[in-house]
């Protein structure tokens, strides 16, 4: 598959979102159940997963799909708990 600047950029943004989420929860700036944390995880895994699929990295795409599902579940659980 030929290189795509857009797909590369989306992958880098996704990686940055996942790393930012991990930093925020590790430094105790956000709670693991917060919508910010789960949203960064969902967005990051979606973008990184799209990048992985585009380049044919199916195992990485699968991990990111599962990561996305966990983030959606976490966000939904957090919303249900709030109200």
C-alpha atoms as a PDB file:
ATOM      1  CA  UNK A   1       0.000   0.000   0.000  1.00  0.00           C
ATOM      2  CA  UNK A   2       1.431   3.433  -0.861  1.00  0.00           C
ATOM      3  CA  UNK A   3       2.227   5.873   1.946  1.00  0.00           C
ATOM      4  CA  UNK A   4      -0.505   8.352   2.728  1.00  0.00           C
ATOM      5  CA  UNK A   5       0.305  11.578   4.563  1.00  0.00           C
ATOM      6  CA  UNK A   6      -3.281  11.810   5.851  1.00  0.00           C
ATOM      7  CA  UNK A   7      -3.326   8.243   7.181  1.00  0.00           C
ATOM      8  CA  UNK A   8       0.104   8.764   8.744  1.00  0.00           C
ATOM      9  CA  UNK A   9      -1.073  11.978  10.424  1.00  0.00           C
ATOM     10  CA  UNK A  10      -4.217  10.268  11.743  1.00  0.00           C
ATOM     11  CA  UNK A  11      -2.082   7.461  13.141  1.00  0.00           C
ATOM     12  CA  UNK A  12       0.236   9.914  14.900  1.00  0.00           C
ATOM     13  CA  UNK A  13      -2.732  11.823  16.362  1.00  0.00           C
ATOM     14  CA  UNK A  14      -4.195   8.527  17.562  1.00  0.00           C
ATOM     15  CA  UNK A  15      -0.918   7.495  19.168  1.00  0.00           C
ATOM     16  CA  UNK A  16      -0.638  10.895  20.861  1.00  0.00           C
ATOM     17  CA  UNK A  17      -4.203  10.613  22.209  1.00  0.00           C
ATOM     18  CA  UNK A  18      -3.511   7.187  23.703  1.00  0.00           C
ATOM     19  CA  UNK A  19      -0.262   8.341  25.260  1.00  0.00           C
ATOM     20  CA  UNK A  20      -1.893  11.489  26.637  1.00  0.00           C
ATOM     21  CA  UNK A  21      -4.679   9.411  28.195  1.00  0.00           C
ATOM     22  CA  UNK A  22      -2.123   7.104  29.796  1.00  0.00           C
ATOM     23  CA  UNK A  23      -0.094  10.050  31.102  1.00  0.00           C
ATOM     24  CA  UNK A  24      -3.168  11.768  32.548  1.00  0.00           C
ATOM     25  CA  UNK A  25      -4.375   8.702  34.425  1.00  0.00           C
ATOM     26  CA  UNK A  26      -0.861   7.701  35.527  1.00  0.00           C
ATOM     27  CA  UNK A  27      -0.181  11.180  36.901  1.00  0.00           C
ATOM     28  CA  UNK A  28      -3.591  11.139  38.621  1.00  0.00           C
ATOM     29  CA  UNK A  29      -4.795  14.202  36.738  1.00  0.00           C
ATOM     30  CA  UNK A  30      -7.892  12.291  35.612  1.00  0.00           C
ATOM     31  CA  UNK A  31      -9.693   9.229  36.924  1.00  0.00           C
ATOM     32  CA  UNK A  32      -9.701   6.022  34.905  1.00  0.00           C
ATOM     33  CA  UNK A  33     -13.472   6.177  34.616  1.00  0.00           C
ATOM     34  CA  UNK A  34     -13.631   9.777  33.426  1.00  0.00           C
ATOM     35  CA  UNK A  35     -15.150  10.662  30.081  1.00  0.00           C
ATOM     36  CA  UNK A  36     -11.970  12.519  29.120  1.00  0.00           C
ATOM     37  CA  UNK A  37      -9.862   9.424  29.662  1.00  0.00           C
ATOM     38  CA  UNK A  38     -12.287   7.105  27.900  1.00  0.00           C
ATOM     39  CA  UNK A  39     -12.791   9.608  25.069  1.00  0.00           C
ATOM     40  CA  UNK A  40      -9.058   9.933  24.457  1.00  0.00           C
ATOM     41  CA  UNK A  41      -8.754   6.151  24.460  1.00  0.00           C
ATOM     42  CA  UNK A  42     -11.666   5.752  22.043  1.00  0.00           C
ATOM     43  CA  UNK A  43     -10.450   8.438  19.649  1.00  0.00           C
ATOM     44  CA  UNK A  44      -6.856   7.248  19.808  1.00  0.00           C
ATOM     45  CA  UNK A  45      -7.708   3.617  19.203  1.00  0.00           C
ATOM     46  CA  UNK A  46     -10.050   4.506  16.341  1.00  0.00           C
ATOM     47  CA  UNK A  47      -7.424   6.612  14.568  1.00  0.00           C
ATOM     48  CA  UNK A  48      -4.554   4.232  15.223  1.00  0.00           C
ATOM     49  CA  UNK A  49      -6.737   1.296  14.205  1.00  0.00           C
ATOM     50  CA  UNK A  50      -7.605   2.982  10.905  1.00  0.00           C
ATOM     51  CA  UNK A  51      -3.911   3.569  10.289  1.00  0.00           C
ATOM     52  CA  UNK A  52      -3.150  -0.069  11.070  1.00  0.00           C
ATOM     53  CA  UNK A  53      -5.862  -1.352   8.750  1.00  0.00           C
ATOM     54  CA  UNK A  54      -4.740   0.900   5.921  1.00  0.00           C
ATOM     55  CA  UNK A  55      -1.221  -0.492   6.123  1.00  0.00           C
ATOM     56  CA  UNK A  56      -2.368  -4.089   6.580  1.00  0.00           C
ATOM     57  CA  UNK A  57      -1.274  -4.491  10.200  1.00  0.00           C
ATOM     58  CA  UNK A  58      -4.267  -6.655  11.083  1.00  0.00           C
ATOM     59  CA  UNK A  59      -3.132  -7.721  14.590  1.00  0.00           C
ATOM     60  CA  UNK A  60      -2.594  -4.075  15.586  1.00  0.00           C
ATOM     61  CA  UNK A  61      -5.923  -3.116  14.063  1.00  0.00           C
ATOM     62  CA  UNK A  62      -7.599  -5.893  16.075  1.00  0.00           C
ATOM     63  CA  UNK A  63      -6.013  -4.709  19.340  1.00  0.00           C
ATOM     64  CA  UNK A  64      -7.212  -1.168  18.627  1.00  0.00           C
ATOM     65  CA  UNK A  65     -10.731  -2.398  17.847  1.00  0.00           C
ATOM     66  CA  UNK A  66     -10.830  -4.186  21.208  1.00  0.00           C
ATOM     67  CA  UNK A  67      -9.344  -1.081  22.881  1.00  0.00           C
ATOM     68  CA  UNK A  68     -12.123   1.006  21.297  1.00  0.00           C
ATOM     69  CA  UNK A  69     -14.788  -1.414  22.565  1.00  0.00           C
ATOM     70  CA  UNK A  70     -13.352  -1.247  26.092  1.00  0.00           C
ATOM     71  CA  UNK A  71     -13.306   2.572  25.969  1.00  0.00           C
ATOM     72  CA  UNK A  72     -16.928   2.698  24.802  1.00  0.00           C
ATOM     73  CA  UNK A  73     -17.911   0.260  27.550  1.00  0.00           C
ATOM     74  CA  UNK A  74     -16.015   2.324  30.139  1.00  0.00           C
ATOM     75  CA  UNK A  75     -17.633   5.561  28.998  1.00  0.00           C
ATOM     76  CA  UNK A  76     -21.112   4.007  29.020  1.00  0.00           C
ATOM     77  CA  UNK A  77     -20.545   2.541  32.485  1.00  0.00           C
ATOM     78  CA  UNK A  78     -19.354   5.922  33.745  1.00  0.00           C
ATOM     79  CA  UNK A  79     -22.408   7.665  32.324  1.00  0.00           C
ATOM     80  CA  UNK A  80     -24.775   5.097  33.841  1.00  0.00           C
ATOM     81  CA  UNK A  81     -23.117   5.482  37.237  1.00  0.00           C
ATOM     82  CA  UNK A  82     -23.568   9.244  37.131  1.00  0.00           C
ATOM     83  CA  UNK A  83     -27.158   9.239  36.535  1.00  0.00           C
END
